[in-house]
Structure formats: structure tokens, C-alpha cells
Amino acid sequence: MNPTRNLRKATREQLAGLQVALVAAVCTWAVDAHAYLGEKALKWAVANITMPLGISAIVIALVAAKFNPKAAAGAAMVAIICIVIAFVASQGQQVIQVMQP
């Protein structure tokens, strides 16, 4: 018998066993179901970046209104943009459902 042939057969058997183990691991891996790719990251970004930025912009707009109306207008626009982004991000599930055929 050829030792190389036995080695190839053993390697194929090991790979087959590894494939079975990998499929079993993937099938039993419990993960949260998300409606679309990046949903978890988007919700994190809205909660930890967009909302605090919007709240800060509102506070800055209120304080800046006393001293410089142009700065207050800019901060108010940032707050409005943050609110729109947060709204669109929170409605992402419905947007994805509407876009699917």
C-alpha cells in the first residue's frame, strides 16, 4: 500500500468530520434575529451617538440664542437633522419591508 494514499484518505476523513462539526456548531449557535444586516449597529449608533448629539445641540441652541442667533440657528438645524436620522433609523424595519418585493 502507498502511505501517501492512506494519508490522503485520513485527511479526507478528518475534513469530513470537521465539516460535520462545523455544520452542527452553526446550526446550534443561538443569535438574535435581526430584520436586516446592521440593525444592531444602527440601533447602537442611534442610542449612543445620534441621540446625545441631538440633545447636546438642543441645549447649545438654547444657550446660544442668548448670545448669537446665528449659532443658535446652526445648532437648531443639527438638532433637527439628528431627530430625522433617529426617526428614520427607528423605522428601519418598516422601510426594509416596503422595499422588499
PDB file of N, CA and C in Angstrom:
ATOM      1  N   MET A   1       0.827  -1.189   0.000  1.00  0.00           N
ATOM      2  CA  MET A   1       0.000   0.000   0.000  1.00  0.00           C
ATOM      3  C   MET A   1       0.871   1.253   0.000  1.00  0.00           C
ATOM      4  N   ASN A   2       0.337   2.264  -0.581  1.00  0.00           N
ATOM      5  CA  ASN A   2       1.031   3.536  -0.679  1.00  0.00           C
ATOM      6  C   ASN A   2       0.716   4.370   0.566  1.00  0.00           C
ATOM      7  N   PRO A   3       1.738   4.787   1.354  1.00  0.00           N
ATOM      8  CA  PRO A   3       1.461   5.571   2.562  1.00  0.00           C
ATOM      9  C   PRO A   3       0.834   6.922   2.265  1.00  0.00           C
ATOM     10  N   THR A   4       1.120   7.483   1.105  1.00  0.00           N
ATOM     11  CA  THR A   4       0.545   8.776   0.738  1.00  0.00           C
ATOM     12  C   THR A   4      -0.964   8.652   0.539  1.00  0.00           C
ATOM     13  N   ARG A   5      -1.369   7.528  -0.052  1.00  0.00           N
ATOM     14  CA  ARG A   5      -2.793   7.313  -0.283  1.00  0.00           C
ATOM     15  C   ARG A   5      -3.537   7.199   1.055  1.00  0.00           C
ATOM     16  N   ASN A   6      -2.952   6.496   2.035  1.00  0.00           N
ATOM     17  CA  ASN A   6      -3.563   6.382   3.360  1.00  0.00           C
ATOM     18  C   ASN A   6      -3.646   7.739   4.048  1.00  0.00           C
ATOM     19  N   LEU A   7      -2.623   8.564   3.865  1.00  0.00           N
ATOM     20  CA  LEU A   7      -2.611   9.895   4.466  1.00  0.00           C
ATOM     21  C   LEU A   7      -3.715  10.756   3.865  1.00  0.00           C
ATOM     22  N   ARG A   8      -3.880  10.680   2.553  1.00  0.00           N
ATOM     23  CA  ARG A   8      -4.939  11.454   1.900  1.00  0.00           C
ATOM     24  C   ARG A   8      -6.314  11.004   2.377  1.00  0.00           C
ATOM     25  N   LYS A   9      -6.475   9.687   2.530  1.00  0.00           N
ATOM     26  CA  LYS A   9      -7.759   9.161   2.993  1.00  0.00           C
ATOM     27  C   LYS A   9      -8.042   9.638   4.421  1.00  0.00           C
ATOM     28  N   ALA A  10      -7.020   9.607   5.279  1.00  0.00           N
ATOM     29  CA  ALA A  10      -7.188  10.078   6.658  1.00  0.00           C
ATOM     30  C   ALA A  10      -7.502  11.575   6.676  1.00  0.00           C
ATOM     31  N   THR A  11      -6.838  12.332   5.817  1.00  0.00           N
ATOM     32  CA  THR A  11      -7.088  13.776   5.767  1.00  0.00           C
ATOM     33  C   THR A  11      -8.507  14.053   5.302  1.00  0.00           C
ATOM     34  N   ARG A  12      -8.981  13.300   4.304  1.00  0.00           N
ATOM     35  CA  ARG A  12     -10.359  13.485   3.836  1.00  0.00           C
ATOM     36  C   ARG A  12     -11.362  13.143   4.926  1.00  0.00           C
ATOM     37  N   GLU A  13     -11.095  12.097   5.670  1.00  0.00           N
ATOM     38  CA  GLU A  13     -11.987  11.715   6.768  1.00  0.00           C
ATOM     39  C   GLU A  13     -11.984  12.777   7.858  1.00  0.00           C
ATOM     40  N   GLN A  14     -10.817  13.346   8.150  1.00  0.00           N
ATOM     41  CA  GLN A  14     -10.742  14.401   9.160  1.00  0.00           C
ATOM     42  C   GLN A  14     -11.493  15.642   8.690  1.00  0.00           C
ATOM     43  N   LEU A  15     -11.334  15.983   7.409  1.00  0.00           N
ATOM     44  CA  LEU A  15     -12.047  17.142   6.882  1.00  0.00           C
ATOM     45  C   LEU A  15     -13.555  16.917   6.900  1.00  0.00           C
ATOM     46  N   ALA A  16     -13.985  15.718   6.588  1.00  0.00           N
ATOM     47  CA  ALA A  16     -15.416  15.418   6.628  1.00  0.00           C
ATOM     48  C   ALA A  16     -15.942  15.545   8.052  1.00  0.00           C
ATOM     49  N   GLY A  17     -15.176  15.038   9.020  1.00  0.00           N
ATOM     50  CA  GLY A  17     -15.588  15.178  10.414  1.00  0.00           C
ATOM     51  C   GLY A  17     -15.609  16.632  10.852  1.00  0.00           C
ATOM     52  N   LEU A  18     -14.650  17.402  10.378  1.00  0.00           N
ATOM     53  CA  LEU A  18     -14.608  18.826  10.703  1.00  0.00           C
ATOM     54  C   LEU A  18     -15.798  19.565  10.095  1.00  0.00           C
ATOM     55  N   GLN A  19     -16.176  19.202   8.891  1.00  0.00           N
ATOM     56  CA  GLN A  19     -17.334  19.820   8.250  1.00  0.00           C
ATOM     57  C   GLN A  19     -18.611  19.514   9.009  1.00  0.00           C
ATOM     58  N   VAL A  20     -18.761  18.278   9.445  1.00  0.00           N
ATOM     59  CA  VAL A  20     -19.948  17.902  10.223  1.00  0.00           C
ATOM     60  C   VAL A  20     -19.992  18.686  11.533  1.00  0.00           C
ATOM     61  N   ALA A  21     -18.842  18.802  12.193  1.00  0.00           N
ATOM     62  CA  ALA A  21     -18.789  19.553  13.449  1.00  0.00           C
ATOM     63  C   ALA A  21     -19.104  21.030  13.220  1.00  0.00           C
ATOM     64  N   LEU A  22     -18.609  21.587  12.129  1.00  0.00           N
ATOM     65  CA  LEU A  22     -18.867  22.989  11.815  1.00  0.00           C
ATOM     66  C   LEU A  22     -20.338  23.233  11.521  1.00  0.00           C
ATOM     67  N   VAL A  23     -20.956  22.358  10.753  1.00  0.00           N
ATOM     68  CA  VAL A  23     -22.386  22.495  10.457  1.00  0.00           C
ATOM     69  C   VAL A  23     -23.208  22.371  11.736  1.00  0.00           C
ATOM     70  N   ALA A  24     -22.849  21.435  12.600  1.00  0.00           N
ATOM     71  CA  ALA A  24     -23.568  21.264  13.864  1.00  0.00           C
ATOM     72  C   ALA A  24     -23.418  22.508  14.745  1.00  0.00           C
ATOM     73  N   ALA A  25     -22.219  23.076  14.781  1.00  0.00           N
ATOM     74  CA  ALA A  25     -21.992  24.275  15.593  1.00  0.00           C
ATOM     75  C   ALA A  25     -22.785  25.455  15.060  1.00  0.00           C
ATOM     76  N   VAL A  26     -22.809  25.617  13.739  1.00  0.00           N
ATOM     77  CA  VAL A  26     -23.545  26.733  13.144  1.00  0.00           C
ATOM     78  C   VAL A  26     -25.041  26.574  13.375  1.00  0.00           C
ATOM     79  N   CYS A  27     -25.539  25.360  13.276  1.00  0.00           N
ATOM     80  CA  CYS A  27     -26.977  25.134  13.452  1.00  0.00           C
ATOM     81  C   CYS A  27     -27.432  25.342  14.890  1.00  0.00           C
ATOM     82  N   THR A  28     -26.549  25.113  15.839  1.00  0.00           N
ATOM     83  CA  THR A  28     -26.949  25.240  17.238  1.00  0.00           C
ATOM     84  C   THR A  28     -26.558  26.581  17.852  1.00  0.00           C
ATOM     85  N   TRP A  29     -25.879  27.414  17.104  1.00  0.00           N
ATOM     86  CA  TRP A  29     -25.447  28.717  17.620  1.00  0.00           C
ATOM     87  C   TRP A  29     -26.666  29.617  17.742  1.00  0.00           C
ATOM     88  N   ALA A  30     -26.955  30.099  18.938  1.00  0.00           N
ATOM     89  CA  ALA A  30     -28.120  30.954  19.160  1.00  0.00           C
ATOM     90  C   ALA A  30     -27.721  32.419  19.013  1.00  0.00           C
ATOM     91  N   VAL A  31     -28.352  33.098  18.091  1.00  0.00           N
ATOM     92  CA  VAL A  31     -28.108  34.521  17.884  1.00  0.00           C
ATOM     93  C   VAL A  31     -29.457  35.236  17.799  1.00  0.00           C
ATOM     94  N   ASP A  32     -29.413  36.536  18.048  1.00  0.00           N
ATOM     95  CA  ASP A  32     -30.623  37.328  17.918  1.00  0.00           C
ATOM     96  C   ASP A  32     -30.993  37.437  16.442  1.00  0.00           C
ATOM     97  N   ALA A  33     -32.273  37.388  16.179  1.00  0.00           N
ATOM     98  CA  ALA A  33     -32.738  37.554  14.806  1.00  0.00           C
ATOM     99  C   ALA A  33     -32.920  39.040  14.533  1.00  0.00           C
ATOM    100  N   HIS A  34     -32.334  39.500  13.459  1.00  0.00           N
ATOM    101  CA  HIS A  34     -32.453  40.900  13.070  1.00  0.00           C
ATOM    102  C   HIS A  34     -33.140  40.974  11.722  1.00  0.00           C
ATOM    103  N   ALA A  35     -33.853  42.059  11.528  1.00  0.00           N
ATOM    104  CA  ALA A  35     -34.609  42.202  10.289  1.00  0.00           C
ATOM    105  C   ALA A  35     -33.700  42.445   9.094  1.00  0.00           C
ATOM    106  N   TYR A  36     -32.594  43.118   9.297  1.00  0.00           N
ATOM    107  CA  TYR A  36     -31.698  43.429   8.203  1.00  0.00           C
ATOM    108  C   TYR A  36     -30.279  43.534   8.727  1.00  0.00           C
ATOM    109  N   LEU A  37     -29.331  43.447   7.808  1.00  0.00           N
ATOM    110  CA  LEU A  37     -27.921  43.483   8.153  1.00  0.00           C
ATOM    111  C   LEU A  37     -27.562  44.839   8.759  1.00  0.00           C
ATOM    112  N   GLY A  38     -26.926  44.839   9.900  1.00  0.00           N
ATOM    113  CA  GLY A  38     -26.509  46.082  10.536  1.00  0.00           C
ATOM    114  C   GLY A  38     -27.539  46.702  11.453  1.00  0.00           C
ATOM    115  N   GLU A  39     -28.629  45.995  11.719  1.00  0.00           N
ATOM    116  CA  GLU A  39     -29.680  46.551  12.571  1.00  0.00           C
ATOM    117  C   GLU A  39     -29.158  46.834  13.974  1.00  0.00           C
ATOM    118  N   LYS A  40     -28.381  45.898  14.513  1.00  0.00           N
ATOM    119  CA  LYS A  40     -27.862  46.067  15.865  1.00  0.00           C
ATOM    120  C   LYS A  40     -26.903  47.257  15.926  1.00  0.00           C
ATOM    121  N   ALA A  41     -26.030  47.385  14.935  1.00  0.00           N
ATOM    122  CA  ALA A  41     -25.080  48.504  14.889  1.00  0.00           C
ATOM    123  C   ALA A  41     -25.809  49.828  14.721  1.00  0.00           C
ATOM    124  N   LEU A  42     -26.858  49.839  13.911  1.00  0.00           N
ATOM    125  CA  LEU A  42     -27.619  51.055  13.694  1.00  0.00           C
ATOM    126  C   LEU A  42     -28.334  51.494  14.966  1.00  0.00           C
ATOM    127  N   LYS A  43     -28.926  50.538  15.672  1.00  0.00           N
ATOM    128  CA  LYS A  43     -29.598  50.887  16.928  1.00  0.00           C
ATOM    129  C   LYS A  43     -28.593  51.395  17.961  1.00  0.00           C
ATOM    130  N   TRP A  44     -27.390  50.798  17.986  1.00  0.00           N
ATOM    131  CA  TRP A  44     -26.363  51.270  18.905  1.00  0.00           C
ATOM    132  C   TRP A  44     -25.955  52.699  18.552  1.00  0.00           C
ATOM    133  N   ALA A  45     -25.772  52.974  17.268  1.00  0.00           N
ATOM    134  CA  ALA A  45     -25.356  54.309  16.835  1.00  0.00           C
ATOM    135  C   ALA A  45     -26.416  55.355  17.165  1.00  0.00           C
ATOM    136  N   VAL A  46     -27.671  55.003  17.008  1.00  0.00           N
ATOM    137  CA  VAL A  46     -28.746  55.952  17.331  1.00  0.00           C
ATOM    138  C   VAL A  46     -28.766  56.220  18.830  1.00  0.00           C
ATOM    139  N   ALA A  47     -28.663  55.165  19.628  1.00  0.00           N
ATOM    140  CA  ALA A  47     -28.750  55.330  21.081  1.00  0.00           C
ATOM    141  C   ALA A  47     -27.526  56.016  21.672  1.00  0.00           C
ATOM    142  N   ASN A  48     -26.335  55.771  21.113  1.00  0.00           N
ATOM    143  CA  ASN A  48     -25.112  56.265  21.741  1.00  0.00           C
ATOM    144  C   ASN A  48     -24.444  57.433  21.028  1.00  0.00           C
ATOM    145  N   ILE A  49     -24.862  57.743  19.811  1.00  0.00           N
ATOM    146  CA  ILE A  49     -24.240  58.852  19.088  1.00  0.00           C
ATOM    147  C   ILE A  49     -25.276  59.905  18.704  1.00  0.00           C
ATOM    148  N   THR A  50     -26.300  59.490  17.971  1.00  0.00           N
ATOM    149  CA  THR A  50     -27.245  60.451  17.412  1.00  0.00           C
ATOM    150  C   THR A  50     -28.080  61.145  18.485  1.00  0.00           C
ATOM    151  N   MET A  51     -28.629  60.389  19.407  1.00  0.00           N
ATOM    152  CA  MET A  51     -29.482  60.998  20.436  1.00  0.00           C
ATOM    153  C   MET A  51     -28.701  61.944  21.354  1.00  0.00           C
ATOM    154  N   PRO A  52     -27.539  61.546  21.887  1.00  0.00           N
ATOM    155  CA  PRO A  52     -26.790  62.509  22.705  1.00  0.00           C
ATOM    156  C   PRO A  52     -26.360  63.754  21.916  1.00  0.00           C
ATOM    157  N   LEU A  53     -26.013  63.563  20.639  1.00  0.00           N
ATOM    158  CA  LEU A  53     -25.653  64.702  19.805  1.00  0.00           C
ATOM    159  C   LEU A  53     -26.841  65.636  19.621  1.00  0.00           C
ATOM    160  N   GLY A  54     -28.013  65.070  19.398  1.00  0.00           N
ATOM    161  CA  GLY A  54     -29.220  65.889  19.243  1.00  0.00           C
ATOM    162  C   GLY A  54     -29.577  66.632  20.513  1.00  0.00           C
ATOM    163  N   ILE A  55     -29.487  65.961  21.645  1.00  0.00           N
ATOM    164  CA  ILE A  55     -29.793  66.621  22.922  1.00  0.00           C
ATOM    165  C   ILE A  55     -28.787  67.729  23.204  1.00  0.00           C
ATOM    166  N   SER A  56     -27.511  67.472  22.928  1.00  0.00           N
ATOM    167  CA  SER A  56     -26.484  68.499  23.108  1.00  0.00           C
ATOM    168  C   SER A  56     -26.735  69.685  22.184  1.00  0.00           C
ATOM    169  N   ALA A  57     -27.146  69.424  20.956  1.00  0.00           N
ATOM    170  CA  ALA A  57     -27.424  70.505  20.014  1.00  0.00           C
ATOM    171  C   ALA A  57     -28.597  71.360  20.478  1.00  0.00           C
ATOM    172  N   ILE A  58     -29.602  70.725  21.060  1.00  0.00           N
ATOM    173  CA  ILE A  58     -30.743  71.496  21.582  1.00  0.00           C
ATOM    174  C   ILE A  58     -30.302  72.386  22.728  1.00  0.00           C
ATOM    175  N   VAL A  59     -29.506  71.858  23.649  1.00  0.00           N
ATOM    176  CA  VAL A  59     -29.007  72.661  24.774  1.00  0.00           C
ATOM    177  C   VAL A  59     -28.133  73.803  24.265  1.00  0.00           C
ATOM    178  N   ILE A  60     -27.249  73.514  23.314  1.00  0.00           N
ATOM    179  CA  ILE A  60     -26.389  74.559  22.754  1.00  0.00           C
ATOM    180  C   ILE A  60     -27.219  75.625  22.058  1.00  0.00           C
ATOM    181  N   ALA A  61     -28.264  75.216  21.339  1.00  0.00           N
ATOM    182  CA  ALA A  61     -29.128  76.182  20.661  1.00  0.00           C
ATOM    183  C   ALA A  61     -29.818  77.090  21.664  1.00  0.00           C
ATOM    184  N   LEU A  62     -30.272  76.530  22.763  1.00  0.00           N
ATOM    185  CA  LEU A  62     -30.945  77.358  23.779  1.00  0.00           C
ATOM    186  C   LEU A  62     -29.984  78.346  24.432  1.00  0.00           C
ATOM    187  N   VAL A  63     -28.776  77.892  24.732  1.00  0.00           N
ATOM    188  CA  VAL A  63     -27.786  78.777  25.349  1.00  0.00           C
ATOM    189  C   VAL A  63     -27.290  79.817  24.345  1.00  0.00           C
ATOM    190  N   ALA A  64     -27.043  79.396  23.108  1.00  0.00           N
ATOM    191  CA  ALA A  64     -26.517  80.305  22.098  1.00  0.00           C
ATOM    192  C   ALA A  64     -27.530  81.348  21.669  1.00  0.00           C
ATOM    193  N   ALA A  65     -28.813  81.081  21.854  1.00  0.00           N
ATOM    194  CA  ALA A  65     -29.842  82.060  21.482  1.00  0.00           C
ATOM    195  C   ALA A  65     -29.685  83.354  22.266  1.00  0.00           C
ATOM    196  N   LYS A  66     -29.139  83.271  23.462  1.00  0.00           N
ATOM    197  CA  LYS A  66     -28.914  84.472  24.272  1.00  0.00           C
ATOM    198  C   LYS A  66     -27.819  85.347  23.677  1.00  0.00           C
ATOM    199  N   PHE A  67     -26.790  84.728  23.078  1.00  0.00           N
ATOM    200  CA  PHE A  67     -25.601  85.472  22.678  1.00  0.00           C
ATOM    201  C   PHE A  67     -25.472  85.662  21.172  1.00  0.00           C
ATOM    202  N   ASN A  68     -25.731  84.624  20.386  1.00  0.00           N
ATOM    203  CA  ASN A  68     -25.507  84.699  18.952  1.00  0.00           C
ATOM    204  C   ASN A  68     -26.616  83.931  18.228  1.00  0.00           C
ATOM    205  N   PRO A  69     -27.563  84.642  17.626  1.00  0.00           N
ATOM    206  CA  PRO A  69     -28.684  83.967  16.963  1.00  0.00           C
ATOM    207  C   PRO A  69     -28.256  83.054  15.798  1.00  0.00           C
ATOM    208  N   LYS A  70     -27.153  83.407  15.102  1.00  0.00           N
ATOM    209  CA  LYS A  70     -26.703  82.547  14.001  1.00  0.00           C
ATOM    210  C   LYS A  70     -26.221  81.200  14.521  1.00  0.00           C
ATOM    211  N   ALA A  71     -25.535  81.192  15.635  1.00  0.00           N
ATOM    212  CA  ALA A  71     -25.083  79.937  16.233  1.00  0.00           C
ATOM    213  C   ALA A  71     -26.275  79.115  16.700  1.00  0.00           C
ATOM    214  N   ALA A  72     -27.284  79.793  17.205  1.00  0.00           N
ATOM    215  CA  ALA A  72     -28.491  79.095  17.650  1.00  0.00           C
ATOM    216  C   ALA A  72     -29.196  78.445  16.468  1.00  0.00           C
ATOM    217  N   ALA A  73     -29.225  79.136  15.336  1.00  0.00           N
ATOM    218  CA  ALA A  73     -29.869  78.572  14.148  1.00  0.00           C
ATOM    219  C   ALA A  73     -29.104  77.338  13.662  1.00  0.00           C
ATOM    220  N   GLY A  74     -27.782  77.389  13.691  1.00  0.00           N
ATOM    221  CA  GLY A  74     -26.978  76.237  13.280  1.00  0.00           C
ATOM    222  C   GLY A  74     -27.177  75.049  14.197  1.00  0.00           C
ATOM    223  N   ALA A  75     -27.189  75.296  15.487  1.00  0.00           N
ATOM    224  CA  ALA A  75     -27.391  74.212  16.448  1.00  0.00           C
ATOM    225  C   ALA A  75     -28.796  73.635  16.332  1.00  0.00           C
ATOM    226  N   ALA A  76     -29.766  74.488  16.044  1.00  0.00           N
ATOM    227  CA  ALA A  76     -31.135  74.004  15.866  1.00  0.00           C
ATOM    228  C   ALA A  76     -31.232  73.107  14.632  1.00  0.00           C
ATOM    229  N   MET A  77     -30.516  73.462  13.567  1.00  0.00           N
ATOM    230  CA  MET A  77     -30.521  72.624  12.366  1.00  0.00           C
ATOM    231  C   MET A  77     -29.885  71.257  12.650  1.00  0.00           C
ATOM    232  N   VAL A  78     -28.802  71.252  13.421  1.00  0.00           N
ATOM    233  CA  VAL A  78     -28.172  69.984  13.801  1.00  0.00           C
ATOM    234  C   VAL A  78     -29.147  69.135  14.613  1.00  0.00           C
ATOM    235  N   ALA A  79     -29.874  69.760  15.526  1.00  0.00           N
ATOM    236  CA  ALA A  79     -30.852  69.022  16.336  1.00  0.00           C
ATOM    237  C   ALA A  79     -31.948  68.432  15.459  1.00  0.00           C
ATOM    238  N   ILE A  80     -32.421  69.196  14.487  1.00  0.00           N
ATOM    239  CA  ILE A  80     -33.474  68.703  13.586  1.00  0.00           C
ATOM    240  C   ILE A  80     -32.945  67.531  12.757  1.00  0.00           C
ATOM    241  N   ILE A  81     -31.727  67.641  12.259  1.00  0.00           N
ATOM    242  CA  ILE A  81     -31.134  66.549  11.478  1.00  0.00           C
ATOM    243  C   ILE A  81     -30.994  65.295  12.335  1.00  0.00           C
ATOM    244  N   CYS A  82     -30.570  65.453  13.591  1.00  0.00           N
ATOM    245  CA  CYS A  82     -30.443  64.299  14.491  1.00  0.00           C
ATOM    246  C   CYS A  82     -31.789  63.642  14.751  1.00  0.00           C
ATOM    247  N   ILE A  83     -32.821  64.444  14.892  1.00  0.00           N
ATOM    248  CA  ILE A  83     -34.166  63.892  15.115  1.00  0.00           C
ATOM    249  C   ILE A  83     -34.629  63.111  13.891  1.00  0.00           C
ATOM    250  N   VAL A  84     -34.380  63.655  12.699  1.00  0.00           N
ATOM    251  CA  VAL A  84     -34.776  62.959  11.471  1.00  0.00           C
ATOM    252  C   VAL A  84     -34.007  61.645  11.327  1.00  0.00           C
ATOM    253  N   ILE A  85     -32.706  61.674  11.586  1.00  0.00           N
ATOM    254  CA  ILE A  85     -31.900  60.449  11.486  1.00  0.00           C
ATOM    255  C   ILE A  85     -32.388  59.406  12.485  1.00  0.00           C
ATOM    256  N   ALA A  86     -32.678  59.822  13.718  1.00  0.00           N
ATOM    257  CA  ALA A  86     -33.156  58.879  14.728  1.00  0.00           C
ATOM    258  C   ALA A  86     -34.509  58.288  14.324  1.00  0.00           C
ATOM    259  N   PHE A  87     -35.379  59.103  13.745  1.00  0.00           N
ATOM    260  CA  PHE A  87     -36.685  58.616  13.315  1.00  0.00           C
ATOM    261  C   PHE A  87     -36.546  57.596  12.188  1.00  0.00           C
ATOM    262  N   VAL A  88     -35.733  57.936  11.188  1.00  0.00           N
ATOM    263  CA  VAL A  88     -35.548  57.020  10.062  1.00  0.00           C
ATOM    264  C   VAL A  88     -34.916  55.714  10.540  1.00  0.00           C
ATOM    265  N   ALA A  89     -33.938  55.807  11.436  1.00  0.00           N
ATOM    266  CA  ALA A  89     -33.285  54.598  11.941  1.00  0.00           C
ATOM    267  C   ALA A  89     -34.246  53.744  12.749  1.00  0.00           C
ATOM    268  N   SER A  90     -35.127  54.377  13.500  1.00  0.00           N
ATOM    269  CA  SER A  90     -36.079  53.592  14.294  1.00  0.00           C
ATOM    270  C   SER A  90     -37.148  52.941  13.418  1.00  0.00           C
ATOM    271  N   GLN A  91     -37.375  53.486  12.236  1.00  0.00           N
ATOM    272  CA  GLN A  91     -38.369  52.925  11.323  1.00  0.00           C
ATOM    273  C   GLN A  91     -37.726  52.029  10.264  1.00  0.00           C
ATOM    274  N   GLY A  92     -36.480  51.611  10.493  1.00  0.00           N
ATOM    275  CA  GLY A  92     -35.751  50.818   9.512  1.00  0.00           C
ATOM    276  C   GLY A  92     -36.437  49.517   9.147  1.00  0.00           C
ATOM    277  N   GLN A  93     -37.033  48.861  10.100  1.00  0.00           N
ATOM    278  CA  GLN A  93     -37.735  47.592   9.850  1.00  0.00           C
ATOM    279  C   GLN A  93     -38.837  47.793   8.816  1.00  0.00           C
ATOM    280  N   GLN A  94     -39.631  48.831   8.991  1.00  0.00           N
ATOM    281  CA  GLN A  94     -40.737  49.083   8.051  1.00  0.00           C
ATOM    282  C   GLN A  94     -40.201  49.486   6.683  1.00  0.00           C
ATOM    283  N   VAL A  95     -39.112  50.252   6.646  1.00  0.00           N
ATOM    284  CA  VAL A  95     -38.529  50.648   5.364  1.00  0.00           C
ATOM    285  C   VAL A  95     -38.055  49.427   4.598  1.00  0.00           C
ATOM    286  N   ILE A  96     -37.389  48.495   5.284  1.00  0.00           N
ATOM    287  CA  ILE A  96     -36.893  47.284   4.634  1.00  0.00           C
ATOM    288  C   ILE A  96     -38.069  46.440   4.125  1.00  0.00           C
ATOM    289  N   GLN A  97     -39.139  46.347   4.882  1.00  0.00           N
ATOM    290  CA  GLN A  97     -40.298  45.568   4.453  1.00  0.00           C
ATOM    291  C   GLN A  97     -40.956  46.177   3.219  1.00  0.00           C
ATOM    292  N   VAL A  98     -40.997  47.501   3.158  1.00  0.00           N
ATOM    293  CA  VAL A  98     -41.601  48.157   1.996  1.00  0.00           C
ATOM    294  C   VAL A  98     -40.726  47.947   0.763  1.00  0.00           C
ATOM    295  N   MET A  99     -39.429  47.920   0.929  1.00  0.00           N
ATOM    296  CA  MET A  99     -38.516  47.799  -0.214  1.00  0.00           C
ATOM    297  C   MET A  99     -38.444  46.382  -0.771  1.00  0.00           C
ATOM    298  N   GLN A 100     -38.832  45.388   0.007  1.00  0.00           N
ATOM    299  CA  GLN A 100     -38.755  44.005  -0.470  1.00  0.00           C
ATOM    300  C   GLN A 100     -39.929  43.717  -1.413  1.00  0.00           C
ATOM    301  N   PRO A 101     -39.671  42.929  -2.467  1.00  0.00           N
ATOM    302  CA  PRO A 101     -40.743  42.658  -3.449  1.00  0.00           C
ATOM    303  C   PRO A 101     -41.801  41.734  -2.900  1.00  0.00           C
TER     304      PRO A 101
END
